[in-house]
Amino acid sequence: MPAEYSNYLTHGRNEANHLPHDDQDNCNMDHVHGHHSHDFRHTNSKLLAWCLIITFSFSIVEGVGGYLTHSITLQTDALHMLTDAAGLLIAYVANIISKRPATISLTFGFGKAEAVGALMNCMFTLMLTLVLLFESIIRFWHPTTVDGIGLLIIATLGLVVNGGVATVLSHGLNSLNTRAAFIHALGDILGSIVAIIAGAIIYFTGFKTIDPILSIILICFLITSNYNIIKRSIIVLMAGVPEHLDYKQIGFDLENMVGIVSIHDLHVWYMSANRTALSAHIVAKDPLSWQQTLLECQQMLLTNHSIEHVTLQHEFDNAEHEHCELG
């Protein structure tokens, strides 16, 4: 672990007697977030449901079209749309689950169900994409005659449909699940464009090898986009620091607040796919001014870093307490 990070994770002092953790020492700013979270999840459910129906329906159309035209590119795009439909179904179910209230065993609620859904979606898509990669490579040794005009027409319809789905999903990017679905929709748009190019080249030149070539290009894009979503989902599930936040800067900002000597045991993590939490031990100068210092810290974290769920434990500079290590 880098040295500058460990400064905030451990105390670095050796006093005995750790102060008791009274309930009033902590502050939870969760009230700011509640209604907004419910609203976007309700909206995202509708978006996901409509996009699921549209994507699944047209994946069947493209699959049949790819079979009739013998186009591996169109079949690649059709299978990808079908996996997107499966992913949207997973996302929809996860979105519904994430609305459930917290329980005594899951005190943070079910918000991370969205990250689980996004991870399952991407892993499933990656496996099927590798199958299509193998099929595309085989086409170089066993080329198949492709109906260029049929491929061109179906791919153009696919571009219109996928463009509509991406536009709808773009209104719900505050959810990791919806963002994952949006990225897949962009992949479908690229797939349609690639299929259009393949159809046009085959129709006008008869160069049928372009079909597996463009299919491989599309597959490489899909693998890259899925990798990025998998990486973020793992960060959420592993309670990692959100990628849009600077851990070191947050610690620096807290330490530079008036009335604070130092901080330690600073943790910043995803409570859910869309909510960030922070906890820390604060060594404060004056017990009498702690409440004001606490409010100023909360406001700074909300304004500068958009962190709303904050828990701070105070320890006073003139009190003795145990050295605190990260568990």
Foldseek 3Di string as FASTA:
>chain_A
DDPLLQPFAWPPDAFAAADDFDPVQKDFLCVVCPVVLVVLLVLVLVLLVVLLVLLCVLLVVLCVLCVVQVFLLSPLLSVLSNLLSVLSVQQNVLSVQQPDAADPVRPLGSQASNLVSLLVSLVVSLVVLVVSLVVLVVCVVVPDHGQLVSLQVSLVVQLVSLVVSLVSLVVNCLGLSSVSSNLSSVLSNLSSVLSNVQSVCCVPPVPRNSRSVSSVVSSVSSNVSSVVSNVLSVQQVVFHAHPVDDSSVLQVVLCPQPFFPHKHSWGWGHSHRNAIEIEIETAGADPVCSVVSVVVSQVCCCVVPVHRTYIYGYDYPPDGHRTDHRD
